[in-house]
Protein backbone atom coordinates (compact mmCIF):
# COMPACT_ATOMS: atom_id res chain seq x y z
CA UNK A 1 19.10 -8.00 -19.91
CA UNK A 2 19.34 -5.08 -22.70
CA UNK A 3 17.07 -2.55 -23.50
CA UNK A 4 14.72 -0.47 -21.49
CA UNK A 5 13.60 -3.41 -19.32
CA UNK A 6 16.83 -3.47 -17.24
CA UNK A 7 16.38 -4.61 -13.57
CA UNK A 8 17.41 -0.94 -12.50
CA UNK A 9 14.60 0.11 -14.69
CA UNK A 10 12.42 -2.28 -13.75
CA UNK A 11 12.72 -1.98 -10.01
CA UNK A 12 12.09 1.64 -10.56
CA UNK A 13 8.81 1.08 -12.32
CA UNK A 14 7.93 -1.21 -10.05
CA UNK A 15 8.24 1.11 -6.70
CA UNK A 16 6.44 3.83 -8.56
CA UNK A 17 3.57 1.52 -9.63
CA UNK A 18 3.43 -0.01 -6.11
CA UNK A 19 3.52 3.53 -4.49
CA UNK A 20 0.51 5.14 -6.76
CA UNK A 21 -1.20 1.68 -6.11
CA UNK A 22 -1.51 2.17 -2.88
CA UNK A 23 -2.84 5.79 -3.00
CA UNK A 24 -5.85 7.37 -3.77
CA UNK A 25 -5.11 6.77 -7.24
CA UNK A 26 -5.75 3.74 -9.40
CA UNK A 27 -2.96 1.57 -10.34
CA UNK A 28 -1.99 -1.83 -10.90
CA UNK A 29 1.51 -2.92 -9.62
CA UNK A 30 0.48 -6.38 -10.00
CA UNK A 31 1.45 -6.89 -13.50
CA UNK A 32 4.59 -4.98 -13.04
CA UNK A 33 5.69 -7.30 -9.85
CA UNK A 34 4.62 -10.35 -12.13
CA UNK A 35 6.32 -8.89 -15.31
CA UNK A 36 9.84 -8.46 -13.68
CA UNK A 37 9.19 -11.95 -12.06
CA UNK A 38 8.48 -13.31 -15.25
CA UNK A 39 11.87 -11.62 -16.42
CA UNK A 40 13.98 -13.47 -13.52
CA UNK A 41 14.43 -10.61 -11.75
CA UNK A 42 15.15 -11.41 -7.65
CA UNK A 43 12.29 -12.47 -6.42
CA UNK A 44 13.62 -10.89 -2.62
CA UNK A 45 14.40 -7.48 -4.49
CA UNK A 46 11.12 -7.27 -5.79
CA UNK A 47 9.47 -7.89 -2.83
CA UNK A 48 11.74 -5.26 -1.13
CA UNK A 49 11.04 -2.54 -3.45
CA UNK A 50 7.02 -3.17 -3.98
CA UNK A 51 6.42 -3.35 0.14
CA UNK A 52 8.33 -0.29 0.34
CA UNK A 53 6.76 1.51 -2.46
CA UNK A 54 3.20 0.17 -1.85
CA UNK A 55 4.07 0.96 2.27
CA UNK A 56 5.26 4.60 1.28
CA UNK A 57 1.90 5.35 -0.58
CA UNK A 58 -0.25 4.06 2.81
CA UNK A 59 1.45 6.20 4.54
CA UNK A 60 1.25 9.21 2.23
CA UNK A 61 -2.46 8.26 2.65
CA UNK A 62 -2.25 7.98 6.39
CA UNK A 63 -0.96 11.76 6.05
CA UNK A 64 -3.71 12.92 3.99
CA UNK A 65 -5.88 11.80 6.81
CA UNK A 66 -4.11 13.58 9.42
CA UNK A 67 -3.94 16.80 7.32
CA UNK A 68 -7.45 16.99 6.89
CA UNK A 69 -8.39 16.42 10.37
CA UNK A 70 -6.03 19.33 11.38
CA UNK A 71 -8.12 21.47 8.80
CA UNK A 72 -11.61 19.85 8.82
CA UNK A 73 -14.09 19.11 11.55
CA UNK A 74 -14.81 15.23 11.00
CA UNK A 75 -18.19 16.14 11.11
CA UNK A 76 -18.56 18.42 7.70
CA UNK A 77 -16.76 15.60 5.69
CA UNK A 78 -17.71 12.62 6.84
CA UNK A 79 -19.48 10.41 4.12
CA UNK A 80 -21.00 6.91 4.30
CA UNK A 81 -17.90 5.12 2.98
CA UNK A 82 -15.25 7.28 5.38
CA UNK A 83 -17.52 6.43 8.57
CA UNK A 84 -17.07 2.92 7.68
CA UNK A 85 -13.70 3.32 7.86
CA UNK A 86 -13.38 5.25 10.72
CA UNK A 87 -15.77 3.01 12.62
CA UNK A 88 -13.23 0.18 11.92
CA UNK A 89 -10.27 2.05 12.90
CA UNK A 90 -11.74 2.97 16.27
CA UNK A 91 -13.31 -0.31 16.90
CA UNK A 92 -9.81 -2.48 16.19
CA UNK A 93 -7.43 0.18 15.96
CA UNK A 94 -3.83 -0.31 14.08
CA UNK A 95 -4.21 -4.04 13.26
CA UNK A 96 -7.03 -3.01 10.90
CA UNK A 97 -4.34 -1.59 8.92
CA UNK A 98 -3.02 -5.11 8.01
CA UNK A 99 -5.75 -4.84 5.83
CA UNK A 100 -4.47 -2.07 4.02
CA UNK A 101 -3.67 -4.10 0.97
CA UNK A 102 -7.40 -4.85 0.80
CA UNK A 103 -8.54 -2.83 -3.00
CA UNK A 104 -11.57 -0.01 -2.55
CA UNK A 105 -11.53 -0.15 1.78
CA UNK A 106 -7.57 -0.61 2.13
CA UNK A 107 -7.01 2.94 1.30
CA UNK A 108 -9.82 4.34 3.43
CA UNK A 109 -8.66 2.61 6.30
CA UNK A 110 -4.96 4.45 6.29
CA UNK A 111 -6.84 7.42 5.92
CA UNK A 112 -8.60 6.88 8.98
CA UNK A 113 -5.94 6.13 10.57
CA UNK A 114 -4.36 8.79 9.53
CA UNK A 115 -7.55 11.37 10.80
CA UNK A 116 -7.55 9.32 14.16
CA UNK A 117 -4.05 10.22 14.96
CA UNK A 118 -3.30 6.21 15.40
CA UNK A 119 0.29 5.71 16.18
CA UNK A 120 2.61 6.57 13.12
CA UNK A 121 5.11 3.64 14.27
CA UNK A 122 2.20 1.19 14.58
CA UNK A 123 0.61 1.89 11.84
CA UNK A 124 3.69 2.11 9.65
CA UNK A 125 4.28 -1.30 11.12
CA UNK A 126 1.37 -2.73 10.28
CA UNK A 127 0.74 -1.22 6.79
CA UNK A 128 4.09 -2.61 5.64
CA UNK A 129 3.37 -6.17 7.25
CA UNK A 130 0.30 -6.64 5.29
CA UNK A 131 1.71 -5.31 2.13
CA UNK A 132 4.74 -7.35 2.43
CA UNK A 133 2.51 -10.51 3.15
CA UNK A 134 0.60 -9.93 -0.14
CA UNK A 135 3.26 -9.32 -2.32
CA UNK A 136 4.97 -12.54 -0.95
CA UNK A 137 1.81 -14.01 -1.89
CA UNK A 138 1.63 -12.92 -5.59
CA UNK A 139 5.55 -13.78 -6.06
CA UNK A 140 4.89 -17.20 -4.96
CA UNK A 141 1.99 -17.64 -7.13
CA UNK A 142 3.93 -16.42 -10.41
CA UNK A 143 4.79 -19.59 -11.79
CA UNK A 144 8.90 -19.02 -12.51
CA UNK A 145 10.86 -21.90 -13.63
CA UNK A 146 14.45 -21.81 -13.05
């Protein structure tokens, strides 16, 4: 494929989109993933790149939570939505981060895990598994010929 939408550019676009989508900023990596899959790029490479970008974004949220906890007492910052995320992480521990791919609640779960100092390696594992499963399902649903 020629032009801008070569595989290396598409993979970078997917990585950046997946990273941004997994932070507290809005994004839509699903559209970039679908466009790349429909353009015939390797599903395995797409899965790897999207998962890596989205996982690093989730880990960024974990670090944001960790940083906030070092600077500010929990009682001053907690709003009702934040309290729900904290409660879920306290109750279920690191496995709740398997749901970090969910819209609206996924990002606060990662922030809450960092705030509560959930083990970074277990957090990384759960975030990566959840996000990989999501992208694998999306790739499986995209109707590609071949």
